């Protein structure tokens, strides 16, 4: 496994979490996402936000931790960005695409969710590459 930098992983986790908050906010794609998944404002308000956000933070940590294990300690910038973009687009995005085809979900939802994860892993790779040892 090699060395891992827990502070870089925590920073990547926070960056990923904040990016998701912005991406799915009404400022960016929140309303379009909400329409595509068929959730009303009332349905969204019924969710246990502490559980949803807490679990999201844990999952962002897991994604950042495992990606740090995959990249190794202090990866070169080109590797962090390239691997992050590729993981988001080609692993996560393509996997969503397969599911969405069978589920008959819209291309718009695919673009919103796949776009987020492409940018998410790119940001995680960037933070891991730039974090000082």
Protein backbone atom coordinates (compact mmCIF):
# COMPACT_ATOMS: atom_id res chain seq x y z
CA UNK A 1 0.00 0.00 0.00
CA UNK A 2 2.85 2.40 0.65
CA UNK A 3 2.58 5.65 2.51
CA UNK A 4 -0.64 7.56 2.59
CA UNK A 5 -1.06 11.16 3.65
CA UNK A 6 -4.15 11.31 5.84
CA UNK A 7 -4.24 15.13 5.68
CA UNK A 8 -4.28 15.05 1.89
CA UNK A 9 -7.07 12.48 2.04
CA UNK A 10 -9.07 14.63 4.45
CA UNK A 11 -8.56 17.69 2.23
CA UNK A 12 -9.63 15.68 -0.84
CA UNK A 13 -12.68 14.46 1.10
CA UNK A 14 -13.71 17.99 2.02
CA UNK A 15 -13.07 19.25 -1.54
CA UNK A 16 -15.20 16.41 -2.94
CA UNK A 17 -17.99 17.06 -0.44
CA UNK A 18 -18.02 20.81 -1.13
CA UNK A 19 -17.97 20.21 -4.88
CA UNK A 20 -21.02 17.96 -4.54
CA UNK A 21 -22.80 20.61 -2.50
CA UNK A 22 -22.18 23.18 -5.21
CA UNK A 23 -22.87 20.82 -8.15
CA UNK A 24 -26.24 19.71 -6.81
CA UNK A 25 -27.25 23.14 -5.51
CA UNK A 26 -29.85 25.32 -7.22
CA UNK A 27 -26.96 27.52 -8.43
CA UNK A 28 -25.77 24.76 -10.75
CA UNK A 29 -27.60 21.50 -11.48
CA UNK A 30 -29.78 20.93 -8.40
CA UNK A 31 -33.13 21.81 -9.94
CA UNK A 32 -32.41 19.92 -13.18
CA UNK A 33 -31.24 16.88 -11.17
CA UNK A 34 -34.36 17.09 -8.99
CA UNK A 35 -36.63 17.13 -12.07
CA UNK A 36 -34.78 14.23 -13.68
CA UNK A 37 -35.04 12.01 -10.61
CA UNK A 38 -38.64 13.06 -9.97
CA UNK A 39 -38.27 14.44 -6.45
CA UNK A 40 -40.38 17.34 -5.24
CA UNK A 41 -39.17 19.96 -2.76
CA UNK A 42 -41.44 18.35 -0.17
CA UNK A 43 -39.94 14.89 -0.73
CA UNK A 44 -36.43 16.29 -0.43
CA UNK A 45 -37.34 18.08 2.79
CA UNK A 46 -38.51 14.79 4.35
CA UNK A 47 -35.02 13.27 4.20
CA UNK A 48 -32.87 12.93 7.29
CA UNK A 49 -30.23 15.45 6.27
CA UNK A 50 -27.84 14.52 9.07
CA UNK A 51 -27.77 10.91 7.88
CA UNK A 52 -27.61 11.89 4.20
CA UNK A 53 -24.80 14.43 4.59
CA UNK A 54 -22.94 12.39 7.20
CA UNK A 55 -23.05 9.28 5.02
CA UNK A 56 -22.01 11.32 1.99
CA UNK A 57 -18.99 12.63 3.88
CA UNK A 58 -18.01 9.07 4.86
CA UNK A 59 -18.37 7.89 1.25
CA UNK A 60 -16.29 10.84 0.01
CA UNK A 61 -13.63 9.81 2.52
CA UNK A 62 -13.69 6.21 1.30
CA UNK A 63 -13.40 7.33 -2.34
CA UNK A 64 -10.51 9.67 -1.48
CA UNK A 65 -8.73 7.11 0.69
CA UNK A 66 -8.89 4.32 -1.88
CA UNK A 67 -7.92 6.66 -4.71
CA UNK A 68 -4.90 7.76 -2.64
CA UNK A 69 -3.96 4.09 -2.23
CA UNK A 70 -4.34 3.64 -5.99
CA UNK A 71 -2.22 6.70 -6.89
CA UNK A 72 0.43 6.26 -4.23
CA UNK A 73 2.04 8.98 -2.13
CA UNK A 74 2.33 12.40 -3.79
CA UNK A 75 1.55 11.42 -7.38
CA UNK A 76 2.80 13.70 -10.16
CA UNK A 77 0.26 16.35 -11.13
CA UNK A 78 -0.36 14.83 -14.56
CA UNK A 79 -1.07 11.44 -12.99
CA UNK A 80 -3.40 12.88 -10.35
CA UNK A 81 -5.40 14.84 -12.93
CA UNK A 82 -5.32 12.20 -15.67
CA UNK A 83 -6.15 9.27 -13.43
CA UNK A 84 -8.84 11.27 -11.64
CA UNK A 85 -10.49 12.36 -14.87
CA UNK A 86 -10.23 8.85 -16.32
CA UNK A 87 -11.60 7.18 -13.17
CA UNK A 88 -14.53 9.57 -13.02
CA UNK A 89 -15.40 9.46 -16.70
CA UNK A 90 -14.45 5.93 -17.70
CA UNK A 91 -15.10 3.90 -14.54
CA UNK A 92 -17.84 5.75 -12.68
CA UNK A 93 -19.46 7.54 -15.62
CA UNK A 94 -19.43 4.50 -17.88
CA UNK A 95 -20.87 2.36 -15.08
CA UNK A 96 -23.67 4.87 -14.56
CA UNK A 97 -24.24 4.84 -18.31
CA UNK A 98 -24.77 1.09 -18.33
CA UNK A 99 -27.27 1.29 -15.48
CA UNK A 100 -29.06 4.30 -16.95
CA UNK A 101 -29.53 2.58 -20.30
CA UNK A 102 -31.32 -0.35 -18.69
CA UNK A 103 -33.22 1.87 -16.26
CA UNK A 104 -34.32 4.12 -19.17
CA UNK A 105 -33.00 7.20 -17.40
CA UNK A 106 -32.39 10.41 -19.31
CA UNK A 107 -29.17 11.52 -20.89
CA UNK A 108 -29.51 14.75 -18.90
CA UNK A 109 -29.36 12.82 -15.61
CA UNK A 110 -26.41 10.83 -16.93
CA UNK A 111 -24.61 14.06 -17.83
CA UNK A 112 -25.31 15.62 -14.42
CA UNK A 113 -24.24 12.62 -12.35
CA UNK A 114 -21.45 11.43 -14.63
CA UNK A 115 -20.15 14.99 -14.94
CA UNK A 116 -20.06 15.36 -11.18
CA UNK A 117 -18.09 12.17 -10.62
CA UNK A 118 -15.69 13.00 -13.43
CA UNK A 119 -14.97 16.35 -11.80
CA UNK A 120 -15.03 14.82 -8.30
CA UNK A 121 -12.24 12.34 -9.04
CA UNK A 122 -10.30 14.96 -10.98
CA UNK A 123 -10.41 17.22 -7.91
CA UNK A 124 -9.46 14.35 -5.59
CA UNK A 125 -6.47 13.55 -7.85
CA UNK A 126 -5.52 17.24 -7.96
CA UNK A 127 -5.57 17.61 -4.17
CA UNK A 128 -3.60 14.40 -3.67
CA UNK A 129 -1.00 15.53 -6.22
CA UNK A 130 -0.61 19.07 -4.86
CA UNK A 131 -0.68 18.31 -1.13
CA UNK A 132 2.76 18.82 0.40
CA UNK A 133 4.32 15.83 2.10
